[in-house]
């Protein structure tokens, strides 16, 4: 199965890289909903559920990147499955910020 994130890790696809070590790579999300949208990705291919079982280095790096690039505040989030708009099977955490992000939900769902 093709994986865009594995190709970025292998340098087969281009990306603007902000951080990299032996376990994790951080690159700019192509989506631009807010000024800062980074993806914190384990280099080893795994699912979201596998990542969230042991966040380890990914969690530490996500917080460091948030503090560095969004000093006034940031959100960390992950999408699980189609209803949550997960578009990549490779585990990842979004770091979003650089602007006031507002409320999580605008209306109440019943």
PDB file of N, CA and C in Angstrom:
ATOM      1  N   UNK A   1       0.843  -1.179   0.000  1.00  0.00           N
ATOM      2  CA  UNK A   1       0.000   0.000   0.000  1.00  0.00           C
ATOM      3  C   UNK A   1       0.891   1.245   0.000  1.00  0.00           C
ATOM      4  N   UNK A   2       0.565   2.192  -0.853  1.00  0.00           N
ATOM      5  CA  UNK A   2       1.324   3.437  -0.937  1.00  0.00           C
ATOM      6  C   UNK A   2       1.094   4.291   0.308  1.00  0.00           C
ATOM      7  N   UNK A   3       2.168   4.915   0.804  1.00  0.00           N
ATOM      8  CA  UNK A   3       2.076   5.799   1.958  1.00  0.00           C
ATOM      9  C   UNK A   3       2.892   7.061   1.693  1.00  0.00           C
ATOM     10  N   UNK A   4       2.208   8.182   1.594  1.00  0.00           N
ATOM     11  CA  UNK A   4       2.875   9.459   1.348  1.00  0.00           C
ATOM     12  C   UNK A   4       3.902   9.770   2.433  1.00  0.00           C
ATOM     13  N   UNK A   5       3.540   9.530   3.695  1.00  0.00           N
ATOM     14  CA  UNK A   5       4.447   9.870   4.788  1.00  0.00           C
ATOM     15  C   UNK A   5       5.701   9.003   4.763  1.00  0.00           C
ATOM     16  N   UNK A   6       5.565   7.722   4.419  1.00  0.00           N
ATOM     17  CA  UNK A   6       6.755   6.871   4.286  1.00  0.00           C
ATOM     18  C   UNK A   6       7.664   7.399   3.176  1.00  0.00           C
ATOM     19  N   UNK A   7       7.060   7.894   2.089  1.00  0.00           N
ATOM     20  CA  UNK A   7       7.868   8.464   1.008  1.00  0.00           C
ATOM     21  C   UNK A   7       8.549   9.755   1.434  1.00  0.00           C
ATOM     22  N   UNK A   8       7.913  10.545   2.281  1.00  0.00           N
ATOM     23  CA  UNK A   8       8.568  11.756   2.801  1.00  0.00           C
ATOM     24  C   UNK A   8       9.741  11.364   3.686  1.00  0.00           C
ATOM     25  N   UNK A   9       9.548  10.388   4.553  1.00  0.00           N
ATOM     26  CA  UNK A   9      10.639   9.910   5.417  1.00  0.00           C
ATOM     27  C   UNK A   9      11.812   9.416   4.567  1.00  0.00           C
ATOM     28  N   UNK A  10      11.507   8.713   3.466  1.00  0.00           N
ATOM     29  CA  UNK A  10      12.541   8.166   2.578  1.00  0.00           C
ATOM     30  C   UNK A  10      13.072   9.194   1.577  1.00  0.00           C
ATOM     31  N   UNK A  11      12.571  10.422   1.647  1.00  0.00           N
ATOM     32  CA  UNK A  11      12.964  11.516   0.750  1.00  0.00           C
ATOM     33  C   UNK A  11      12.595  11.257  -0.712  1.00  0.00           C
ATOM     34  N   UNK A  12      11.531  10.491  -0.910  1.00  0.00           N
ATOM     35  CA  UNK A  12      11.012  10.259  -2.255  1.00  0.00           C
ATOM     36  C   UNK A  12       9.959  11.298  -2.626  1.00  0.00           C
ATOM     37  N   UNK A  13       9.427  11.984  -1.612  1.00  0.00           N
ATOM     38  CA  UNK A  13       8.462  13.073  -1.800  1.00  0.00           C
ATOM     39  C   UNK A  13       9.015  14.310  -1.106  1.00  0.00           C
ATOM     40  N   UNK A  14       8.792  15.493  -1.667  1.00  0.00           N
ATOM     41  CA  UNK A  14       9.307  16.714  -1.041  1.00  0.00           C
ATOM     42  C   UNK A  14       8.495  17.120   0.189  1.00  0.00           C
ATOM     43  N   UNK A  15       9.152  17.782   1.106  1.00  0.00           N
ATOM     44  CA  UNK A  15       8.482  18.333   2.291  1.00  0.00           C
ATOM     45  C   UNK A  15       9.387  19.391   2.901  1.00  0.00           C
ATOM     46  N   UNK A  16       8.774  20.377   3.541  1.00  0.00           N
ATOM     47  CA  UNK A  16       9.516  21.362   4.312  1.00  0.00           C
ATOM     48  C   UNK A  16       9.658  20.791   5.716  1.00  0.00           C
ATOM     49  N   UNK A  17      10.876  20.389   6.047  1.00  0.00           N
ATOM     50  CA  UNK A  17      11.141  19.689   7.304  1.00  0.00           C
ATOM     51  C   UNK A  17      11.585  20.687   8.372  1.00  0.00           C
ATOM     52  N   UNK A  18      10.958  20.593   9.545  1.00  0.00           N
ATOM     53  CA  UNK A  18      11.255  21.475  10.671  1.00  0.00           C
ATOM     54  C   UNK A  18      12.103  20.802  11.736  1.00  0.00           C
ATOM     55  N   UNK A  19      12.040  19.485  11.803  1.00  0.00           N
ATOM     56  CA  UNK A  19      12.765  18.744  12.834  1.00  0.00           C
ATOM     57  C   UNK A  19      12.893  17.302  12.368  1.00  0.00           C
ATOM     58  N   UNK A  20      14.009  16.679  12.783  1.00  0.00           N
ATOM     59  CA  UNK A  20      14.179  15.270  12.496  1.00  0.00           C
ATOM     60  C   UNK A  20      15.178  14.669  13.462  1.00  0.00           C
ATOM     61  N   UNK A  21      14.871  13.467  13.952  1.00  0.00           N
ATOM     62  CA  UNK A  21      15.834  12.671  14.710  1.00  0.00           C
ATOM     63  C   UNK A  21      15.686  11.229  14.238  1.00  0.00           C
ATOM     64  N   UNK A  22      16.217  10.276  14.981  1.00  0.00           N
ATOM     65  CA  UNK A  22      16.171   8.880  14.544  1.00  0.00           C
ATOM     66  C   UNK A  22      14.761   8.292  14.519  1.00  0.00           C
ATOM     67  N   UNK A  23      13.840   8.855  15.315  1.00  0.00           N
ATOM     68  CA  UNK A  23      12.504   8.271  15.459  1.00  0.00           C
ATOM     69  C   UNK A  23      11.378   9.094  14.849  1.00  0.00           C
ATOM     70  N   UNK A  24      11.583  10.413  14.736  1.00  0.00           N
ATOM     71  CA  UNK A  24      10.481  11.329  14.405  1.00  0.00           C
ATOM     72  C   UNK A  24      10.917  12.316  13.332  1.00  0.00           C
ATOM     73  N   UNK A  25       9.972  12.694  12.492  1.00  0.00           N
ATOM     74  CA  UNK A  25      10.181  13.778  11.533  1.00  0.00           C
ATOM     75  C   UNK A  25       8.997  14.739  11.652  1.00  0.00           C
ATOM     76  N   UNK A  26       9.274  16.030  11.535  1.00  0.00           N
ATOM     77  CA  UNK A  26       8.230  17.061  11.586  1.00  0.00           C
ATOM     78  C   UNK A  26       8.306  17.849  10.293  1.00  0.00           C
ATOM     79  N   UNK A  27       7.176  17.958   9.616  1.00  0.00           N
ATOM     80  CA  UNK A  27       7.158  18.724   8.376  1.00  0.00           C
ATOM     81  C   UNK A  27       5.873  19.529   8.267  1.00  0.00           C
ATOM     82  N   UNK A  28       5.903  20.496   7.372  1.00  0.00           N
ATOM     83  CA  UNK A  28       4.769  21.394   7.169  1.00  0.00           C
ATOM     84  C   UNK A  28       3.635  20.656   6.463  1.00  0.00           C
ATOM     85  N   UNK A  29       2.437  20.826   6.974  1.00  0.00           N
ATOM     86  CA  UNK A  29       1.246  20.280   6.335  1.00  0.00           C
ATOM     87  C   UNK A  29       0.953  21.106   5.089  1.00  0.00           C
ATOM     88  N   UNK A  30       0.575  20.460   4.003  1.00  0.00           N
ATOM     89  CA  UNK A  30       0.234  21.196   2.788  1.00  0.00           C
ATOM     90  C   UNK A  30      -1.052  21.995   2.948  1.00  0.00           C
ATOM     91  N   UNK A  31      -1.932  21.568   3.854  1.00  0.00           N
ATOM     92  CA  UNK A  31      -3.139  22.336   4.150  1.00  0.00           C
ATOM     93  C   UNK A  31      -2.750  23.599   4.900  1.00  0.00           C
ATOM     94  N   UNK A  32      -3.446  24.690   4.675  1.00  0.00           N
ATOM     95  CA  UNK A  32      -3.082  25.966   5.300  1.00  0.00           C
ATOM     96  C   UNK A  32      -4.302  26.615   5.943  1.00  0.00           C
ATOM     97  N   UNK A  33      -4.993  25.907   6.839  1.00  0.00           N
ATOM     98  CA  UNK A  33      -6.167  26.452   7.499  1.00  0.00           C
ATOM     99  C   UNK A  33      -5.815  27.538   8.499  1.00  0.00           C
ATOM    100  N   UNK A  34      -4.670  27.409   9.143  1.00  0.00           N
ATOM    101  CA  UNK A  34      -4.175  28.394  10.106  1.00  0.00           C
ATOM    102  C   UNK A  34      -2.702  28.627   9.795  1.00  0.00           C
ATOM    103  N   UNK A  35      -2.096  29.686  10.330  1.00  0.00           N
ATOM    104  CA  UNK A  35      -0.707  30.003   9.982  1.00  0.00           C
ATOM    105  C   UNK A  35       0.295  28.868  10.227  1.00  0.00           C
ATOM    106  N   UNK A  36       0.129  28.111  11.312  1.00  0.00           N
ATOM    107  CA  UNK A  36       1.057  27.013  11.600  1.00  0.00           C
ATOM    108  C   UNK A  36       0.288  25.701  11.561  1.00  0.00           C
ATOM    109  N   UNK A  37       0.703  24.835  10.652  1.00  0.00           N
ATOM    110  CA  UNK A  37       0.146  23.479  10.571  1.00  0.00           C
ATOM    111  C   UNK A  37       1.299  22.524  10.319  1.00  0.00           C
ATOM    112  N   UNK A  38       1.754  21.885  11.383  1.00  0.00           N
ATOM    113  CA  UNK A  38       2.861  20.937  11.287  1.00  0.00           C
ATOM    114  C   UNK A  38       2.353  19.527  11.528  1.00  0.00           C
ATOM    115  N   UNK A  39       3.041  18.560  10.955  1.00  0.00           N
ATOM    116  CA  UNK A  39       2.747  17.152  11.183  1.00  0.00           C
ATOM    117  C   UNK A  39       3.939  16.518  11.883  1.00  0.00           C
ATOM    118  N   UNK A  40       3.697  15.896  13.021  1.00  0.00           N
ATOM    119  CA  UNK A  40       4.723  15.182  13.774  1.00  0.00           C
ATOM    120  C   UNK A  40       4.479  13.702  13.507  1.00  0.00           C
ATOM    121  N   UNK A  41       5.460  13.064  12.862  1.00  0.00           N
ATOM    122  CA  UNK A  41       5.258  11.728  12.302  1.00  0.00           C
ATOM    123  C   UNK A  41       6.350  10.781  12.783  1.00  0.00           C
ATOM    124  N   UNK A  42       5.976   9.623  13.339  1.00  0.00           N
ATOM    125  CA  UNK A  42       7.005   8.625  13.621  1.00  0.00           C
ATOM    126  C   UNK A  42       7.572   8.118  12.300  1.00  0.00           C
ATOM    127  N   UNK A  43       8.865   7.890  12.234  1.00  0.00           N
ATOM    128  CA  UNK A  43       9.456   7.401  10.993  1.00  0.00           C
ATOM    129  C   UNK A  43       9.003   5.975  10.678  1.00  0.00           C
ATOM    130  N   UNK A  44       8.757   5.198  11.706  1.00  0.00           N
ATOM    131  CA  UNK A  44       8.261   3.833  11.519  1.00  0.00           C
ATOM    132  C   UNK A  44       6.775   3.902  11.193  1.00  0.00           C
ATOM    133  N   UNK A  45       6.364   3.218  10.141  1.00  0.00           N
ATOM    134  CA  UNK A  45       4.953   3.199   9.770  1.00  0.00           C
ATOM    135  C   UNK A  45       4.155   2.452  10.835  1.00  0.00           C
ATOM    136  N   UNK A  46       3.113   3.108  11.336  1.00  0.00           N
ATOM    137  CA  UNK A  46       2.203   2.503  12.316  1.00  0.00           C
ATOM    138  C   UNK A  46       0.861   3.197  12.217  1.00  0.00           C
ATOM    139  N   UNK A  47      -0.137   2.640  12.870  1.00  0.00           N
ATOM    140  CA  UNK A  47      -1.471   3.242  12.864  1.00  0.00           C
ATOM    141  C   UNK A  47      -1.576   4.311  13.955  1.00  0.00           C
ATOM    142  N   UNK A  48      -2.649   5.099  13.876  1.00  0.00           N
ATOM    143  CA  UNK A  48      -2.910   6.090  14.923  1.00  0.00           C
ATOM    144  C   UNK A  48      -3.050   5.393  16.277  1.00  0.00           C
ATOM    145  N   UNK A  49      -3.799   4.293  16.317  1.00  0.00           N
ATOM    146  CA  UNK A  49      -4.005   3.578  17.581  1.00  0.00           C
ATOM    147  C   UNK A  49      -2.680   3.075  18.152  1.00  0.00           C
ATOM    148  N   UNK A  50      -1.799   2.565  17.292  1.00  0.00           N
ATOM    149  CA  UNK A  50      -0.487   2.103  17.767  1.00  0.00           C
ATOM    150  C   UNK A  50       0.307   3.261  18.363  1.00  0.00           C
ATOM    151  N   UNK A  51       0.291   4.401  17.693  1.00  0.00           N
ATOM    152  CA  UNK A  51       1.015   5.568  18.195  1.00  0.00           C
ATOM    153  C   UNK A  51       0.487   5.997  19.553  1.00  0.00           C
ATOM    154  N   UNK A  52      -0.826   6.070  19.696  1.00  0.00           N
ATOM    155  CA  UNK A  52      -1.423   6.560  20.938  1.00  0.00           C
ATOM    156  C   UNK A  52      -1.281   5.573  22.090  1.00  0.00           C
ATOM    157  N   UNK A  53      -0.884   4.350  21.806  1.00  0.00           N
ATOM    158  CA  UNK A  53      -0.583   3.384  22.864  1.00  0.00           C
ATOM    159  C   UNK A  53       0.702   3.765  23.585  1.00  0.00           C
ATOM    160  N   UNK A  54       1.628   4.389  22.847  1.00  0.00           N
ATOM    161  CA  UNK A  54       2.897   4.826  23.432  1.00  0.00           C
ATOM    162  C   UNK A  54       3.378   6.057  22.667  1.00  0.00           C
ATOM    163  N   UNK A  55       2.974   7.245  23.128  1.00  0.00           N
ATOM    164  CA  UNK A  55       3.306   8.490  22.430  1.00  0.00           C
ATOM    165  C   UNK A  55       4.785   8.852  22.508  1.00  0.00           C
ATOM    166  N   UNK A  56       5.435   8.540  23.620  1.00  0.00           N
ATOM    167  CA  UNK A  56       6.871   8.737  23.786  1.00  0.00           C
ATOM    168  C   UNK A  56       7.450   9.956  23.107  1.00  0.00           C
ATOM    169  N   UNK A  57       8.391   9.733  22.208  1.00  0.00           N
ATOM    170  CA  UNK A  57       9.133  10.804  21.539  1.00  0.00           C
ATOM    171  C   UNK A  57       8.223  11.690  20.712  1.00  0.00           C
ATOM    172  N   UNK A  58       7.215  11.120  20.084  1.00  0.00           N
ATOM    173  CA  UNK A  58       6.303  11.922  19.259  1.00  0.00           C
ATOM    174  C   UNK A  58       5.625  12.996  20.108  1.00  0.00           C
ATOM    175  N   UNK A  59       5.166  12.642  21.299  1.00  0.00           N
ATOM    176  CA  UNK A  59       4.510  13.613  22.178  1.00  0.00           C
ATOM    177  C   UNK A  59       5.474  14.713  22.593  1.00  0.00           C
ATOM    178  N   UNK A  60       6.671  14.335  22.983  1.00  0.00           N
ATOM    179  CA  UNK A  60       7.668  15.324  23.408  1.00  0.00           C
ATOM    180  C   UNK A  60       7.976  16.297  22.274  1.00  0.00           C
ATOM    181  N   UNK A  61       8.212  15.779  21.078  1.00  0.00           N
ATOM    182  CA  UNK A  61       8.550  16.625  19.934  1.00  0.00           C
ATOM    183  C   UNK A  61       7.362  17.496  19.549  1.00  0.00           C
ATOM    184  N   UNK A  62       6.141  16.972  19.606  1.00  0.00           N
ATOM    185  CA  UNK A  62       4.957  17.765  19.270  1.00  0.00           C
ATOM    186  C   UNK A  62       4.835  18.972  20.190  1.00  0.00           C
ATOM    187  N   UNK A  63       5.041  18.775  21.482  1.00  0.00           N
ATOM    188  CA  UNK A  63       4.971  19.892  22.438  1.00  0.00           C
ATOM    189  C   UNK A  63       6.098  20.889  22.182  1.00  0.00           C
ATOM    190  N   UNK A  64       7.301  20.405  21.929  1.00  0.00           N
ATOM    191  CA  UNK A  64       8.428  21.306  21.630  1.00  0.00           C
ATOM    192  C   UNK A  64       8.148  22.152  20.391  1.00  0.00           C
ATOM    193  N   UNK A  65       7.639  21.547  19.343  1.00  0.00           N
ATOM    194  CA  UNK A  65       7.338  22.280  18.107  1.00  0.00           C
ATOM    195  C   UNK A  65       6.221  23.286  18.342  1.00  0.00           C
ATOM    196  N   UNK A  66       5.207  22.916  19.122  1.00  0.00           N
ATOM    197  CA  UNK A  66       4.136  23.850  19.442  1.00  0.00           C
ATOM    198  C   UNK A  66       4.646  25.062  20.183  1.00  0.00           C
ATOM    199  N   UNK A  67       5.456  24.836  21.204  1.00  0.00           N
ATOM    200  CA  UNK A  67       6.013  25.953  21.973  1.00  0.00           C
ATOM    201  C   UNK A  67       6.898  26.846  21.110  1.00  0.00           C
ATOM    202  N   UNK A  68       7.682  26.238  20.240  1.00  0.00           N
ATOM    203  CA  UNK A  68       8.614  27.003  19.396  1.00  0.00           C
ATOM    204  C   UNK A  68       7.883  27.827  18.334  1.00  0.00           C
ATOM    205  N   UNK A  69       6.921  27.219  17.651  1.00  0.00           N
ATOM    206  CA  UNK A  69       6.295  27.872  16.501  1.00  0.00           C
ATOM    207  C   UNK A  69       4.982  28.578  16.822  1.00  0.00           C
ATOM    208  N   UNK A  70       4.420  28.327  18.002  1.00  0.00           N
ATOM    209  CA  UNK A  70       3.145  28.940  18.402  1.00  0.00           C
ATOM    210  C   UNK A  70       3.238  29.379  19.863  1.00  0.00           C
ATOM    211  N   UNK A  71       4.064  30.377  20.178  1.00  0.00           N
ATOM    212  CA  UNK A  71       4.302  30.734  21.578  1.00  0.00           C
ATOM    213  C   UNK A  71       3.063  31.213  22.338  1.00  0.00           C
ATOM    214  N   UNK A  72       2.020  31.628  21.643  1.00  0.00           N
ATOM    215  CA  UNK A  72       0.809  32.093  22.316  1.00  0.00           C
ATOM    216  C   UNK A  72      -0.228  30.996  22.516  1.00  0.00           C
ATOM    217  N   UNK A  73       0.086  29.791  22.090  1.00  0.00           N
ATOM    218  CA  UNK A  73      -0.819  28.664  22.267  1.00  0.00           C
ATOM    219  C   UNK A  73      -0.968  27.840  21.005  1.00  0.00           C
ATOM    220  N   UNK A  74      -1.313  26.579  21.178  1.00  0.00           N
ATOM    221  CA  UNK A  74      -1.443  25.659  20.049  1.00  0.00           C
ATOM    222  C   UNK A  74      -2.351  24.504  20.435  1.00  0.00           C
ATOM    223  N   UNK A  75      -2.761  23.743  19.421  1.00  0.00           N
ATOM    224  CA  UNK A  75      -3.521  22.525  19.642  1.00  0.00           C
ATOM    225  C   UNK A  75      -2.743  21.355  19.066  1.00  0.00           C
ATOM    226  N   UNK A  76      -2.850  20.222  19.755  1.00  0.00           N
ATOM    227  CA  UNK A  76      -2.353  18.958  19.241  1.00  0.00           C
ATOM    228  C   UNK A  76      -3.573  18.094  18.978  1.00  0.00           C
ATOM    229  N   UNK A  77      -3.645  17.494  17.796  1.00  0.00           N
ATOM    230  CA  UNK A  77      -4.794  16.647  17.519  1.00  0.00           C
ATOM    231  C   UNK A  77      -4.424  15.526  16.573  1.00  0.00           C
ATOM    232  N   UNK A  78      -5.212  14.484  16.627  1.00  0.00           N
ATOM    233  CA  UNK A  78      -5.082  13.350  15.711  1.00  0.00           C
ATOM    234  C   UNK A  78      -6.478  12.936  15.280  1.00  0.00           C
ATOM    235  N   UNK A  79      -6.583  12.540  14.033  1.00  0.00           N
ATOM    236  CA  UNK A  79      -7.836  12.061  13.482  1.00  0.00           C
ATOM    237  C   UNK A  79      -7.780  10.536  13.383  1.00  0.00           C
ATOM    238  N   UNK A  80      -8.869   9.889  13.778  1.00  0.00           N
ATOM    239  CA  UNK A  80      -8.973   8.429  13.720  1.00  0.00           C
ATOM    240  C   UNK A  80     -10.143   8.056  12.819  1.00  0.00           C
ATOM    241  N   UNK A  81      -9.871   7.591  11.617  1.00  0.00           N
ATOM    242  CA  UNK A  81     -10.913   7.104  10.726  1.00  0.00           C
ATOM    243  C   UNK A  81     -11.545   8.155   9.838  1.00  0.00           C
ATOM    244  N   UNK A  82     -12.362   7.665   8.925  1.00  0.00           N
ATOM    245  CA  UNK A  82     -12.986   8.515   7.917  1.00  0.00           C
ATOM    246  C   UNK A  82     -13.886   9.602   8.455  1.00  0.00           C
ATOM    247  N   UNK A  83     -14.715   9.295   9.454  1.00  0.00           N
ATOM    248  CA  UNK A  83     -15.606  10.315  10.008  1.00  0.00           C
ATOM    249  C   UNK A  83     -14.834  11.465  10.636  1.00  0.00           C
ATOM    250  N   UNK A  84     -13.623  11.197  11.090  1.00  0.00           N
ATOM    251  CA  UNK A  84     -12.783  12.238  11.689  1.00  0.00           C
ATOM    252  C   UNK A  84     -11.871  12.899  10.659  1.00  0.00           C
ATOM    253  N   UNK A  85     -12.017  12.513   9.394  1.00  0.00           N
ATOM    254  CA  UNK A  85     -11.245  13.088   8.284  1.00  0.00           C
ATOM    255  C   UNK A  85      -9.782  12.659   8.269  1.00  0.00           C
ATOM    256  N   UNK A  86      -9.487  11.460   8.771  1.00  0.00           N
ATOM    257  CA  UNK A  86      -8.115  10.949   8.671  1.00  0.00           C
ATOM    258  C   UNK A  86      -7.836  10.644   7.213  1.00  0.00           C
ATOM    259  N   UNK A  87      -6.808  11.274   6.647  1.00  0.00           N
ATOM    260  CA  UNK A  87      -6.518  11.105   5.222  1.00  0.00           C
ATOM    261  C   UNK A  87      -5.278  10.252   4.961  1.00  0.00           C
ATOM    262  N   UNK A  88      -4.467  10.011   5.985  1.00  0.00           N
ATOM    263  CA  UNK A  88      -3.242   9.219   5.825  1.00  0.00           C
ATOM    264  C   UNK A  88      -3.264   8.051   6.807  1.00  0.00           C
ATOM    265  N   UNK A  89      -2.916   6.846   6.361  1.00  0.00           N
ATOM    266  CA  UNK A  89      -2.907   5.704   7.272  1.00  0.00           C
ATOM    267  C   UNK A  89      -1.722   5.718   8.237  1.00  0.00           C
ATOM    268  N   UNK A  90      -0.674   6.461   7.918  1.00  0.00           N
ATOM    269  CA  UNK A  90       0.534   6.556   8.743  1.00  0.00           C
ATOM    270  C   UNK A  90       0.238   7.443   9.952  1.00  0.00           C
ATOM    271  N   UNK A  91       0.571   6.980  11.137  1.00  0.00           N
ATOM    272  CA  UNK A  91       0.314   7.730  12.371  1.00  0.00           C
ATOM    273  C   UNK A  91       0.921   9.129  12.313  1.00  0.00           C
ATOM    274  N   UNK A  92       0.226  10.087  12.915  1.00  0.00           N
ATOM    275  CA  UNK A  92       0.735  11.455  12.958  1.00  0.00           C
ATOM    276  C   UNK A  92      -0.071  12.289  13.946  1.00  0.00           C
ATOM    277  N   UNK A  93       0.561  13.361  14.402  1.00  0.00           N
ATOM    278  CA  UNK A  93      -0.091  14.331  15.280  1.00  0.00           C
ATOM    279  C   UNK A  93       0.015  15.693  14.605  1.00  0.00           C
ATOM    280  N   UNK A  94      -1.085  16.412  14.576  1.00  0.00           N
ATOM    281  CA  UNK A  94      -1.105  17.765  14.027  1.00  0.00           C
ATOM    282  C   UNK A  94      -0.740  18.754  15.133  1.00  0.00           C
ATOM    283  N   UNK A  95       0.108  19.717  14.805  1.00  0.00           N
ATOM    284  CA  UNK A  95       0.368  20.876  15.655  1.00  0.00           C
ATOM    285  C   UNK A  95      -0.210  22.054  14.897  1.00  0.00           C
ATOM    286  N   UNK A  96      -1.232  22.697  15.465  1.00  0.00           N
ATOM    287  CA  UNK A  96      -1.857  23.826  14.774  1.00  0.00           C
ATOM    288  C   UNK A  96      -1.874  25.043  15.686  1.00  0.00           C
ATOM    289  N   UNK A  97      -1.689  26.209  15.087  1.00  0.00           N
ATOM    290  CA  UNK A  97      -1.695  27.446  15.855  1.00  0.00           C
ATOM    291  C   UNK A  97      -1.254  28.625  15.026  1.00  0.00           C
ATOM    292  N   UNK A  98      -0.694  29.604  15.711  1.00  0.00           N
ATOM    293  CA  UNK A  98      -0.259  30.823  15.046  1.00  0.00           C
ATOM    294  C   UNK A  98      -1.363  31.862  14.922  1.00  0.00           C
ATOM    295  N   UNK A  99      -2.538  31.550  15.457  1.00  0.00           N
ATOM    296  CA  UNK A  99      -3.685  32.463  15.444  1.00  0.00           C
ATOM    297  C   UNK A  99      -4.652  31.988  16.525  1.00  0.00           C
ATOM    298  N   UNK A 100      -5.598  32.860  16.897  1.00  0.00           N
ATOM    299  CA  UNK A 100      -6.632  32.434  17.835  1.00  0.00           C
ATOM    300  C   UNK A 100      -7.486  31.377  17.143  1.00  0.00           C
ATOM    301  N   UNK A 101      -7.613  30.211  17.756  1.00  0.00           N
ATOM    302  CA  UNK A 101      -8.271  29.088  17.105  1.00  0.00           C
ATOM    303  C   UNK A 101      -9.772  29.005  17.364  1.00  0.00           C
ATOM    304  N   UNK A 102     -10.282  29.755  18.306  1.00  0.00           N
ATOM    305  CA  UNK A 102     -11.713  29.773  18.552  1.00  0.00           C
ATOM    306  C   UNK A 102     -12.214  28.520  19.238  1.00  0.00           C
ATOM    307  N   UNK A 103     -13.524  28.357  19.191  1.00  0.00           N
ATOM    308  CA  UNK A 103     -14.183  27.226  19.850  1.00  0.00           C
ATOM    309  C   UNK A 103     -13.973  25.945  19.063  1.00  0.00           C
ATOM    310  N   UNK A 104     -14.078  24.819  19.758  1.00  0.00           N
ATOM    311  CA  UNK A 104     -13.990  23.523  19.095  1.00  0.00           C
ATOM    312  C   UNK A 104     -15.202  23.253  18.220  1.00  0.00           C
ATOM    313  N   UNK A 105     -16.409  23.542  18.754  1.00  0.00           N
ATOM    314  CA  UNK A 105     -17.654  23.259  18.051  1.00  0.00           C
ATOM    315  C   UNK A 105     -18.503  24.514  18.047  1.00  0.00           C
ATOM    316  N   UNK A 106     -19.072  24.850  16.936  1.00  0.00           N
ATOM    317  CA  UNK A 106     -19.860  26.076  16.826  1.00  0.00           C
ATOM    318  C   UNK A 106     -21.317  25.880  17.178  1.00  0.00           C
ATOM    319  N   UNK A 107     -21.823  24.674  17.051  1.00  0.00           N
ATOM    320  CA  UNK A 107     -23.213  24.421  17.386  1.00  0.00           C
ATOM    321  C   UNK A 107     -23.318  23.097  18.121  1.00  0.00           C
ATOM    322  N   UNK A 108     -24.380  22.952  18.813  1.00  0.00           N
ATOM    323  CA  UNK A 108     -24.581  21.709  19.570  1.00  0.00           C
ATOM    324  C   UNK A 108     -25.174  20.647  18.658  1.00  0.00           C
ATOM    325  N   UNK A 109     -24.619  19.447  18.753  1.00  0.00           N
ATOM    326  CA  UNK A 109     -25.129  18.314  17.977  1.00  0.00           C
ATOM    327  C   UNK A 109     -25.945  17.415  18.892  1.00  0.00           C
ATOM    328  N   UNK A 110     -27.066  16.969  18.424  1.00  0.00           N
ATOM    329  CA  UNK A 110     -27.944  16.098  19.223  1.00  0.00           C
ATOM    330  C   UNK A 110     -27.808  14.666  18.783  1.00  0.00           C
TER     331      UNK A 110
END
